[in-house]
Amino acid sequence: MPLARSRLGLLLLGVLFTLVLYLLLPAIQHEQRLAGTRPAEGKRGRWVGNATVRSGMAAGEPPVFFYREVSAGPQASGTASPGRPDVLFLHGQAFTSKTWEALGTLALLAGEGYHAVAIDLPGYGDSPLAEMVATAQGRVAFLDHVLQELGVQRPVLVSPSMSGRFALPFLLARGDQLAGFVPVAPVGTKDYTTEQYRQVQTPTLIMYGDRDTSLGPQALQSLRHLPGHRVAVVPGAGHACYLDKPEDFHRALLGFLRQLK
């Protein structure tokens, strides 16, 4: 009987050990993937070239964020051409920074001499949730922090759909820090007054698909009060016009970028 109990005990321990390994394996694999992409000491979480880039902060500091930076091949130097603004891409609720990589947007702009960056907003993609972005002031502070960490000065901010919750308060509070603004049927446009929009001097390209009969025209009603705006309606495209008609979207975006000073 003691022998049987001993064997049973060993069997249970074996089962328990196997179960613990099974539960820990995903976490171990995740840590291994992170270890393979960590930067050298002193670089404060900066990676470059066809990679997801992470900036890690200590507890209590602004939140971790991720971004993608893609070169267009040997002809791209990895730095922006003189006189061309950096471009920062946000994303909609159903998307992440990977969207702009998959569409070829980042590579296209890099090939044209622009330094293009896309980030995962808090709670999306690889970025963890952050309490600070629960308020408009916190979202402005978050984008302030992103620009500082990336070393980006006066970028063009591309903001589709959900990301309007970040981009619009930043535009109204820090419009002088942007070389341009490209809202793509953003949410939250009704939260601000006509007078607030009229005070913004940032050159703006308002974009939406002609099949987006709800949010696109609704956003236009508010954004048309921005003094320096132009409108590009993408034919045959829905709410995510950059997905439906990427070539038309890219053409309009590049045309806007090229006329900025």
C-alpha atoms as a PDB file:
ATOM      1  CA  MET A   1       0.000   0.000   0.000  1.00  0.00           C
ATOM      2  CA  PRO A   2       2.770   2.557   0.819  1.00  0.00           C
ATOM      3  CA  LEU A   3       4.427   1.732  -2.521  1.00  0.00           C
ATOM      4  CA  ALA A   4       1.147   2.302  -4.370  1.00  0.00           C
ATOM      5  CA  ARG A   5       0.663   5.609  -2.597  1.00  0.00           C
ATOM      6  CA  SER A   6       4.193   6.628  -3.441  1.00  0.00           C
ATOM      7  CA  ARG A   7       3.660   5.842  -7.119  1.00  0.00           C
ATOM      8  CA  LEU A   8       0.357   7.714  -7.088  1.00  0.00           C
ATOM      9  CA  GLY A   9       2.052  10.694  -5.498  1.00  0.00           C
ATOM     10  CA  LEU A  10       4.806  10.678  -8.114  1.00  0.00           C
ATOM     11  CA  LEU A  11       2.217  10.421 -10.873  1.00  0.00           C
ATOM     12  CA  LEU A  12       0.295  13.406  -9.506  1.00  0.00           C
ATOM     13  CA  LEU A  13       3.500  15.425  -9.224  1.00  0.00           C
ATOM     14  CA  GLY A  14       4.326  14.573 -12.819  1.00  0.00           C
ATOM     15  CA  VAL A  15       0.890  15.679 -13.998  1.00  0.00           C
ATOM     16  CA  LEU A  16       1.149  18.897 -11.982  1.00  0.00           C
ATOM     17  CA  PHE A  17       4.615  19.651 -13.393  1.00  0.00           C
ATOM     18  CA  THR A  18       3.392  19.063 -16.938  1.00  0.00           C
ATOM     19  CA  LEU A  19       0.406  21.361 -16.358  1.00  0.00           C
ATOM     20  CA  VAL A  20       2.631  24.147 -14.989  1.00  0.00           C
ATOM     21  CA  LEU A  21       4.934  23.894 -18.009  1.00  0.00           C
ATOM     22  CA  TYR A  22       1.938  24.013 -20.346  1.00  0.00           C
ATOM     23  CA  LEU A  23       0.655  27.185 -18.691  1.00  0.00           C
ATOM     24  CA  LEU A  24       4.053  28.881 -18.612  1.00  0.00           C
ATOM     25  CA  LEU A  25       5.173  28.001 -22.144  1.00  0.00           C
ATOM     26  CA  PRO A  26       3.402  30.922 -23.918  1.00  0.00           C
ATOM     27  CA  ALA A  27       4.900  33.407 -21.453  1.00  0.00           C
ATOM     28  CA  ILE A  28       8.378  31.887 -21.863  1.00  0.00           C
ATOM     29  CA  GLN A  29       8.108  32.047 -25.648  1.00  0.00           C
ATOM     30  CA  HIS A  30       6.885  35.665 -25.446  1.00  0.00           C
ATOM     31  CA  GLU A  31       9.844  36.637 -23.250  1.00  0.00           C
ATOM     32  CA  GLN A  32      12.212  34.912 -25.655  1.00  0.00           C
ATOM     33  CA  ARG A  33      10.803  36.899 -28.565  1.00  0.00           C
ATOM     34  CA  LEU A  34      11.204  40.131 -26.608  1.00  0.00           C
ATOM     35  CA  ALA A  35      14.738  39.195 -25.589  1.00  0.00           C
ATOM     36  CA  GLY A  36      15.613  38.744 -29.246  1.00  0.00           C
ATOM     37  CA  THR A  37      14.521  42.296 -30.063  1.00  0.00           C
ATOM     38  CA  ARG A  38      15.740  44.245 -27.040  1.00  0.00           C
ATOM     39  CA  PRO A  39      18.064  47.155 -27.780  1.00  0.00           C
ATOM     40  CA  ALA A  40      21.542  47.587 -26.437  1.00  0.00           C
ATOM     41  CA  GLU A  41      21.904  49.330 -23.086  1.00  0.00           C
ATOM     42  CA  GLY A  42      21.680  53.100 -23.261  1.00  0.00           C
ATOM     43  CA  LYS A  43      19.467  53.223 -26.369  1.00  0.00           C
ATOM     44  CA  ARG A  44      16.258  53.612 -24.362  1.00  0.00           C
ATOM     45  CA  GLY A  45      14.194  51.149 -26.360  1.00  0.00           C
ATOM     46  CA  ARG A  46      14.868  52.354 -29.888  1.00  0.00           C
ATOM     47  CA  TRP A  47      14.977  49.905 -32.805  1.00  0.00           C
ATOM     48  CA  VAL A  48      15.130  50.817 -36.491  1.00  0.00           C
ATOM     49  CA  GLY A  49      14.520  49.190 -39.845  1.00  0.00           C
ATOM     50  CA  ASN A  50      11.610  46.868 -40.602  1.00  0.00           C
ATOM     51  CA  ALA A  51      10.945  46.228 -36.926  1.00  0.00           C
ATOM     52  CA  THR A  52       8.479  46.928 -34.180  1.00  0.00           C
ATOM     53  CA  VAL A  53      10.214  49.393 -31.910  1.00  0.00           C
ATOM     54  CA  ARG A  54       9.573  49.664 -28.209  1.00  0.00           C
ATOM     55  CA  SER A  55      10.458  52.387 -25.739  1.00  0.00           C
ATOM     56  CA  GLY A  56      10.377  50.943 -22.208  1.00  0.00           C
ATOM     57  CA  MET A  57       9.741  53.152 -19.231  1.00  0.00           C
ATOM     58  CA  ALA A  58      10.164  52.571 -15.507  1.00  0.00           C
ATOM     59  CA  ALA A  59       7.131  52.208 -13.261  1.00  0.00           C
ATOM     60  CA  GLY A  60       5.325  55.503 -12.804  1.00  0.00           C
ATOM     61  CA  GLU A  61       6.716  57.039 -15.975  1.00  0.00           C
ATOM     62  CA  PRO A  62       4.692  57.590 -19.175  1.00  0.00           C
ATOM     63  CA  PRO A  63       3.427  54.387 -20.807  1.00  0.00           C
ATOM     64  CA  VAL A  64       5.260  52.003 -23.043  1.00  0.00           C
ATOM     65  CA  PHE A  65       4.556  52.441 -26.736  1.00  0.00           C
ATOM     66  CA  PHE A  66       5.535  50.694 -29.914  1.00  0.00           C
ATOM     67  CA  TYR A  67       6.215  51.982 -33.396  1.00  0.00           C
ATOM     68  CA  ARG A  68       7.212  50.681 -36.798  1.00  0.00           C
ATOM     69  CA  GLU A  69       9.819  52.229 -39.043  1.00  0.00           C
ATOM     70  CA  VAL A  70      10.355  50.800 -42.524  1.00  0.00           C
ATOM     71  CA  SER A  71      12.984  51.576 -45.147  1.00  0.00           C
ATOM     72  CA  ALA A  72      12.176  51.245 -48.826  1.00  0.00           C
ATOM     73  CA  GLY A  73      15.386  49.343 -49.638  1.00  0.00           C
ATOM     74  CA  PRO A  74      18.969  50.232 -50.523  1.00  0.00           C
ATOM     75  CA  GLN A  75      18.024  53.556 -52.055  1.00  0.00           C
ATOM     76  CA  ALA A  76      16.553  54.794 -48.763  1.00  0.00           C
ATOM     77  CA  SER A  77      19.064  56.265 -46.342  1.00  0.00           C
ATOM     78  CA  GLY A  78      16.805  55.840 -43.298  1.00  0.00           C
ATOM     79  CA  THR A  79      16.631  59.582 -42.703  1.00  0.00           C
ATOM     80  CA  ALA A  80      14.239  62.133 -44.093  1.00  0.00           C
ATOM     81  CA  SER A  81      15.268  64.329 -46.968  1.00  0.00           C
ATOM     82  CA  PRO A  82      15.957  67.957 -45.977  1.00  0.00           C
ATOM     83  CA  GLY A  83      12.835  70.094 -45.883  1.00  0.00           C
ATOM     84  CA  ARG A  84      10.412  67.154 -45.749  1.00  0.00           C
ATOM     85  CA  PRO A  85       8.339  66.724 -42.607  1.00  0.00           C
ATOM     86  CA  ASP A  86       8.191  63.563 -40.554  1.00  0.00           C
ATOM     87  CA  VAL A  87       4.860  61.707 -40.716  1.00  0.00           C
ATOM     88  CA  LEU A  88       3.253  60.061 -37.681  1.00  0.00           C
ATOM     89  CA  PHE A  89       0.463  57.535 -38.319  1.00  0.00           C
ATOM     90  CA  LEU A  90      -2.177  56.671 -35.746  1.00  0.00           C
ATOM     91  CA  HIS A  91      -4.798  53.968 -36.388  1.00  0.00           C
ATOM     92  CA  GLY A  92      -8.480  53.121 -36.117  1.00  0.00           C
ATOM     93  CA  GLN A  93     -10.172  50.882 -33.569  1.00  0.00           C
ATOM     94  CA  ALA A  94      -9.952  47.674 -35.612  1.00  0.00           C
ATOM     95  CA  PHE A  95      -6.339  48.276 -36.663  1.00  0.00           C
ATOM     96  CA  THR A  96      -2.769  48.734 -35.388  1.00  0.00           C
ATOM     97  CA  SER A  97       0.532  50.120 -36.632  1.00  0.00           C
ATOM     98  CA  LYS A  98       0.890  46.940 -38.698  1.00  0.00           C
ATOM     99  CA  THR A  99      -1.865  48.220 -41.001  1.00  0.00           C
ATOM    100  CA  TRP A 100       0.395  50.946 -42.393  1.00  0.00           C
ATOM    101  CA  GLU A 101       3.216  48.476 -42.866  1.00  0.00           C
ATOM    102  CA  ALA A 102       0.997  45.930 -44.612  1.00  0.00           C
ATOM    103  CA  LEU A 103      -0.393  48.570 -46.981  1.00  0.00           C
ATOM    104  CA  GLY A 104       3.120  49.616 -47.943  1.00  0.00           C
ATOM    105  CA  THR A 105       2.455  53.155 -46.727  1.00  0.00           C
ATOM    106  CA  LEU A 106       5.572  53.405 -44.562  1.00  0.00           C
ATOM    107  CA  ALA A 107       7.840  51.976 -47.251  1.00  0.00           C
ATOM    108  CA  LEU A 108       6.291  54.219 -49.904  1.00  0.00           C
ATOM    109  CA  LEU A 109       6.901  57.360 -47.863  1.00  0.00           C
ATOM    110  CA  ALA A 110      10.435  56.258 -46.954  1.00  0.00           C
ATOM    111  CA  GLY A 111      11.156  55.816 -50.654  1.00  0.00           C
ATOM    112  CA  GLU A 112       9.934  59.376 -51.237  1.00  0.00           C
ATOM    113  CA  GLY A 113      12.346  60.695 -48.613  1.00  0.00           C
ATOM    114  CA  TYR A 114       9.952  61.018 -45.673  1.00  0.00           C
ATOM    115  CA  HIS A 115      10.597  59.687 -42.187  1.00  0.00           C
ATOM    116  CA  ALA A 116       7.320  57.829 -41.565  1.00  0.00           C
ATOM    117  CA  VAL A 117       6.395  56.252 -38.228  1.00  0.00           C
ATOM    118  CA  ALA A 118       3.296  54.373 -37.043  1.00  0.00           C
ATOM    119  CA  ILE A 119       2.540  53.671 -33.393  1.00  0.00           C
ATOM    120  CA  ASP A 120       0.201  51.350 -31.530  1.00  0.00           C
ATOM    121  CA  LEU A 121      -2.032  53.454 -29.304  1.00  0.00           C
ATOM    122  CA  PRO A 122      -2.435  52.317 -25.663  1.00  0.00           C
ATOM    123  CA  GLY A 123      -4.479  49.115 -25.473  1.00  0.00           C
ATOM    124  CA  TYR A 124      -3.942  48.212 -29.133  1.00  0.00           C
ATOM    125  CA  GLY A 125      -1.425  45.998 -30.879  1.00  0.00           C
ATOM    126  CA  ASP A 126       1.649  45.660 -28.675  1.00  0.00           C
ATOM    127  CA  SER A 127       0.941  48.667 -26.460  1.00  0.00           C
ATOM    128  CA  PRO A 128      -0.496  48.078 -22.988  1.00  0.00           C
ATOM    129  CA  LEU A 129      -3.417  50.024 -21.600  1.00  0.00           C
ATOM    130  CA  ALA A 130      -2.556  53.293 -19.874  1.00  0.00           C
ATOM    131  CA  GLU A 131      -4.746  55.134 -17.369  1.00  0.00           C
ATOM    132  CA  MET A 132      -3.424  58.517 -18.468  1.00  0.00           C
ATOM    133  CA  VAL A 133      -5.265  58.348 -21.814  1.00  0.00           C
ATOM    134  CA  ALA A 134      -8.672  58.221 -20.117  1.00  0.00           C
ATOM    135  CA  THR A 135      -8.836  62.023 -20.449  1.00  0.00           C
ATOM    136  CA  ALA A 136      -8.263  64.388 -23.348  1.00  0.00           C
ATOM    137  CA  GLN A 137      -5.441  66.059 -21.413  1.00  0.00           C
ATOM    138  CA  GLY A 138      -3.830  62.666 -20.869  1.00  0.00           C
ATOM    139  CA  ARG A 139      -4.048  61.828 -24.563  1.00  0.00           C
ATOM    140  CA  VAL A 140      -2.362  65.128 -25.430  1.00  0.00           C
ATOM    141  CA  ALA A 141       0.370  64.339 -22.904  1.00  0.00           C
ATOM    142  CA  PHE A 142       0.754  60.857 -24.404  1.00  0.00           C
ATOM    143  CA  LEU A 143       1.337  62.214 -27.917  1.00  0.00           C
ATOM    144  CA  ASP A 144       3.691  64.841 -26.482  1.00  0.00           C
ATOM    145  CA  HIS A 145       5.700  62.019 -24.946  1.00  0.00           C
ATOM    146  CA  VAL A 146       5.705  59.993 -28.170  1.00  0.00           C
ATOM    147  CA  LEU A 147       7.069  62.922 -30.179  1.00  0.00           C
ATOM    148  CA  GLN A 148       9.773  63.568 -27.593  1.00  0.00           C
ATOM    149  CA  GLU A 149      10.849  59.927 -27.508  1.00  0.00           C
ATOM    150  CA  LEU A 150      10.961  59.684 -31.279  1.00  0.00           C
ATOM    151  CA  GLY A 151      12.794  62.973 -31.625  1.00  0.00           C
ATOM    152  CA  VAL A 152      10.127  64.122 -34.071  1.00  0.00           C
ATOM    153  CA  GLN A 153       9.623  67.837 -34.598  1.00  0.00           C
ATOM    154  CA  ARG A 154       6.566  69.321 -36.321  1.00  0.00           C
ATOM    155  CA  PRO A 155       5.308  66.119 -37.970  1.00  0.00           C
ATOM    156  CA  VAL A 156       2.289  65.595 -40.167  1.00  0.00           C
ATOM    157  CA  LEU A 157      -0.242  63.705 -38.039  1.00  0.00           C
ATOM    158  CA  VAL A 158      -2.409  61.138 -39.867  1.00  0.00           C
ATOM    159  CA  SER A 159      -5.475  60.236 -37.805  1.00  0.00           C
ATOM    160  CA  PRO A 160      -8.156  57.777 -38.936  1.00  0.00           C
ATOM    161  CA  SER A 161     -11.392  57.073 -37.103  1.00  0.00           C
ATOM    162  CA  MET A 162     -10.963  56.213 -33.390  1.00  0.00           C
ATOM    163  CA  SER A 163      -7.603  57.969 -33.177  1.00  0.00           C
ATOM    164  CA  GLY A 164      -9.437  61.271 -33.485  1.00  0.00           C
ATOM    165  CA  ARG A 165      -9.814  61.031 -29.703  1.00  0.00           C
ATOM    166  CA  PHE A 166      -6.049  61.545 -29.545  1.00  0.00           C
ATOM    167  CA  ALA A 167      -5.404  63.725 -32.575  1.00  0.00           C
ATOM    168  CA  LEU A 168      -8.156  66.336 -32.208  1.00  0.00           C
ATOM    169  CA  PRO A 169      -7.334  67.513 -28.673  1.00  0.00           C
ATOM    170  CA  PHE A 170      -3.658  67.533 -29.663  1.00  0.00           C
ATOM    171  CA  LEU A 171      -4.438  69.604 -32.760  1.00  0.00           C
ATOM    172  CA  LEU A 172      -6.373  72.159 -30.730  1.00  0.00           C
ATOM    173  CA  ALA A 173      -3.778  72.358 -27.951  1.00  0.00           C
ATOM    174  CA  ARG A 174      -0.562  71.886 -29.942  1.00  0.00           C
ATOM    175  CA  GLY A 175      -1.462  72.758 -33.518  1.00  0.00           C
ATOM    176  CA  ASP A 176       1.654  74.895 -33.829  1.00  0.00           C
ATOM    177  CA  GLN A 177       3.733  71.742 -33.252  1.00  0.00           C
ATOM    178  CA  LEU A 178       2.342  70.080 -36.378  1.00  0.00           C
ATOM    179  CA  ALA A 179       3.417  70.680 -39.966  1.00  0.00           C
ATOM    180  CA  GLY A 180       0.132  69.208 -41.161  1.00  0.00           C
ATOM    181  CA  PHE A 181      -2.926  67.240 -40.142  1.00  0.00           C
ATOM    182  CA  VAL A 182      -4.654  64.471 -42.101  1.00  0.00           C
ATOM    183  CA  PRO A 183      -7.934  63.407 -40.448  1.00  0.00           C
ATOM    184  CA  VAL A 184      -9.496  60.350 -42.095  1.00  0.00           C
ATOM    185  CA  ALA A 185     -13.137  60.325 -40.954  1.00  0.00           C
ATOM    186  CA  PRO A 186     -12.114  60.776 -37.298  1.00  0.00           C
ATOM    187  CA  VAL A 187     -14.427  60.423 -34.323  1.00  0.00           C
ATOM    188  CA  GLY A 188     -14.957  63.155 -31.752  1.00  0.00           C
ATOM    189  CA  THR A 189     -15.268  66.113 -34.101  1.00  0.00           C
ATOM    190  CA  LYS A 190     -18.524  67.263 -32.465  1.00  0.00           C
ATOM    191  CA  ASP A 191     -16.767  67.680 -29.121  1.00  0.00           C
ATOM    192  CA  TYR A 192     -15.325  71.037 -30.178  1.00  0.00           C
ATOM    193  CA  THR A 193     -16.795  74.359 -31.237  1.00  0.00           C
ATOM    194  CA  THR A 194     -16.591  76.189 -34.530  1.00  0.00           C
ATOM    195  CA  GLU A 195     -14.521  78.900 -32.855  1.00  0.00           C
ATOM    196  CA  GLN A 196     -12.007  76.350 -31.563  1.00  0.00           C
ATOM    197  CA  TYR A 197     -11.511  74.980 -35.062  1.00  0.00           C
ATOM    198  CA  ARG A 198     -11.165  78.451 -36.551  1.00  0.00           C
ATOM    199  CA  GLN A 199      -8.204  79.194 -34.288  1.00  0.00           C
ATOM    200  CA  VAL A 200      -6.147  76.325 -35.738  1.00  0.00           C
ATOM    201  CA  GLN A 201      -3.657  77.351 -38.425  1.00  0.00           C
ATOM    202  CA  THR A 202      -2.309  73.860 -39.228  1.00  0.00           C
ATOM    203  CA  PRO A 203      -2.594  72.884 -42.919  1.00  0.00           C
ATOM    204  CA  THR A 204      -5.157  70.093 -43.101  1.00  0.00           C
ATOM    205  CA  LEU A 205      -6.184  67.447 -45.612  1.00  0.00           C
ATOM    206  CA  ILE A 206      -9.646  66.109 -44.756  1.00  0.00           C
ATOM    207  CA  MET A 207     -10.069  62.624 -46.236  1.00  0.00           C
ATOM    208  CA  TYR A 208     -12.895  60.099 -46.372  1.00  0.00           C
ATOM    209  CA  GLY A 209     -14.417  57.538 -48.729  1.00  0.00           C
ATOM    210  CA  ASP A 210     -17.468  58.449 -50.751  1.00  0.00           C
ATOM    211  CA  ARG A 211     -19.201  55.279 -49.491  1.00  0.00           C
ATOM    212  CA  ASP A 212     -18.761  56.388 -45.897  1.00  0.00           C
ATOM    213  CA  THR A 213     -22.124  58.089 -45.610  1.00  0.00           C
ATOM    214  CA  SER A 214     -21.994  58.478 -41.834  1.00  0.00           C
ATOM    215  CA  LEU A 215     -18.766  59.400 -40.085  1.00  0.00           C
ATOM    216  CA  GLY A 216     -16.987  60.903 -43.091  1.00  0.00           C
ATOM    217  CA  PRO A 217     -19.544  63.619 -43.909  1.00  0.00           C
ATOM    218  CA  GLN A 218     -20.233  64.131 -40.201  1.00  0.00           C
ATOM    219  CA  ALA A 219     -16.570  64.861 -39.517  1.00  0.00           C
ATOM    220  CA  LEU A 220     -16.432  67.170 -42.520  1.00  0.00           C
ATOM    221  CA  GLN A 221     -19.200  69.348 -41.071  1.00  0.00           C
ATOM    222  CA  SER A 222     -16.952  70.251 -38.147  1.00  0.00           C
ATOM    223  CA  LEU A 223     -13.516  70.071 -39.747  1.00  0.00           C
ATOM    224  CA  ARG A 224     -14.487  72.394 -42.614  1.00  0.00           C
ATOM    225  CA  HIS A 225     -14.148  75.243 -40.101  1.00  0.00           C
ATOM    226  CA  LEU A 226     -10.376  74.705 -40.040  1.00  0.00           C
ATOM    227  CA  PRO A 227      -9.034  77.721 -42.012  1.00  0.00           C
ATOM    228  CA  GLY A 228      -6.277  75.936 -43.923  1.00  0.00           C
ATOM    229  CA  HIS A 229      -8.106  72.831 -45.051  1.00  0.00           C
ATOM    230  CA  ARG A 230      -8.635  70.997 -48.325  1.00  0.00           C
ATOM    231  CA  VAL A 231     -10.817  67.947 -48.923  1.00  0.00           C
ATOM    232  CA  ALA A 232     -10.039  64.674 -50.705  1.00  0.00           C
ATOM    233  CA  VAL A 233     -12.946  62.264 -51.183  1.00  0.00           C
ATOM    234  CA  VAL A 234     -11.730  58.786 -52.176  1.00  0.00           C
ATOM    235  CA  PRO A 235     -14.065  57.300 -54.821  1.00  0.00           C
ATOM    236  CA  GLY A 236     -15.390  53.790 -54.321  1.00  0.00           C
ATOM    237  CA  ALA A 237     -14.091  53.606 -50.749  1.00  0.00           C
ATOM    238  CA  GLY A 238     -15.802  53.102 -47.408  1.00  0.00           C
ATOM    239  CA  HIS A 239     -14.912  54.228 -43.902  1.00  0.00           C
ATOM    240  CA  ALA A 240     -11.367  52.776 -44.021  1.00  0.00           C
ATOM    241  CA  CYS A 241     -10.680  54.381 -47.402  1.00  0.00           C
ATOM    242  CA  TYR A 242      -6.943  53.644 -47.139  1.00  0.00           C
ATOM    243  CA  LEU A 243      -7.773  49.918 -47.134  1.00  0.00           C
ATOM    244  CA  ASP A 244     -10.338  50.027 -49.928  1.00  0.00           C
ATOM    245  CA  LYS A 245      -8.345  52.275 -52.271  1.00  0.00           C
ATOM    246  CA  PRO A 246      -4.751  52.438 -51.044  1.00  0.00           C
ATOM    247  CA  GLU A 247      -3.355  53.840 -54.295  1.00  0.00           C
ATOM    248  CA  ASP A 248      -5.840  56.730 -54.298  1.00  0.00           C
ATOM    249  CA  PHE A 249      -5.187  57.328 -50.608  1.00  0.00           C
ATOM    250  CA  HIS A 250      -1.421  57.365 -51.126  1.00  0.00           C
ATOM    251  CA  ARG A 251      -1.714  59.688 -54.110  1.00  0.00           C
ATOM    252  CA  ALA A 252      -3.757  62.220 -52.151  1.00  0.00           C
ATOM    253  CA  LEU A 253      -1.498  61.978 -49.104  1.00  0.00           C
ATOM    254  CA  LEU A 254       1.714  62.458 -51.117  1.00  0.00           C
ATOM    255  CA  GLY A 255       0.183  65.376 -52.991  1.00  0.00           C
ATOM    256  CA  PHE A 256      -0.589  67.047 -49.666  1.00  0.00           C
ATOM    257  CA  LEU A 257       2.862  66.336 -48.218  1.00  0.00           C
ATOM    258  CA  ARG A 258       4.639  67.737 -51.268  1.00  0.00           C
ATOM    259  CA  GLN A 259       2.910  71.098 -51.038  1.00  0.00           C
ATOM    260  CA  LEU A 260       3.838  71.606 -47.374  1.00  0.00           C
ATOM    261  CA  LYS A 261       6.688  73.982 -46.609  1.00  0.00           C
END
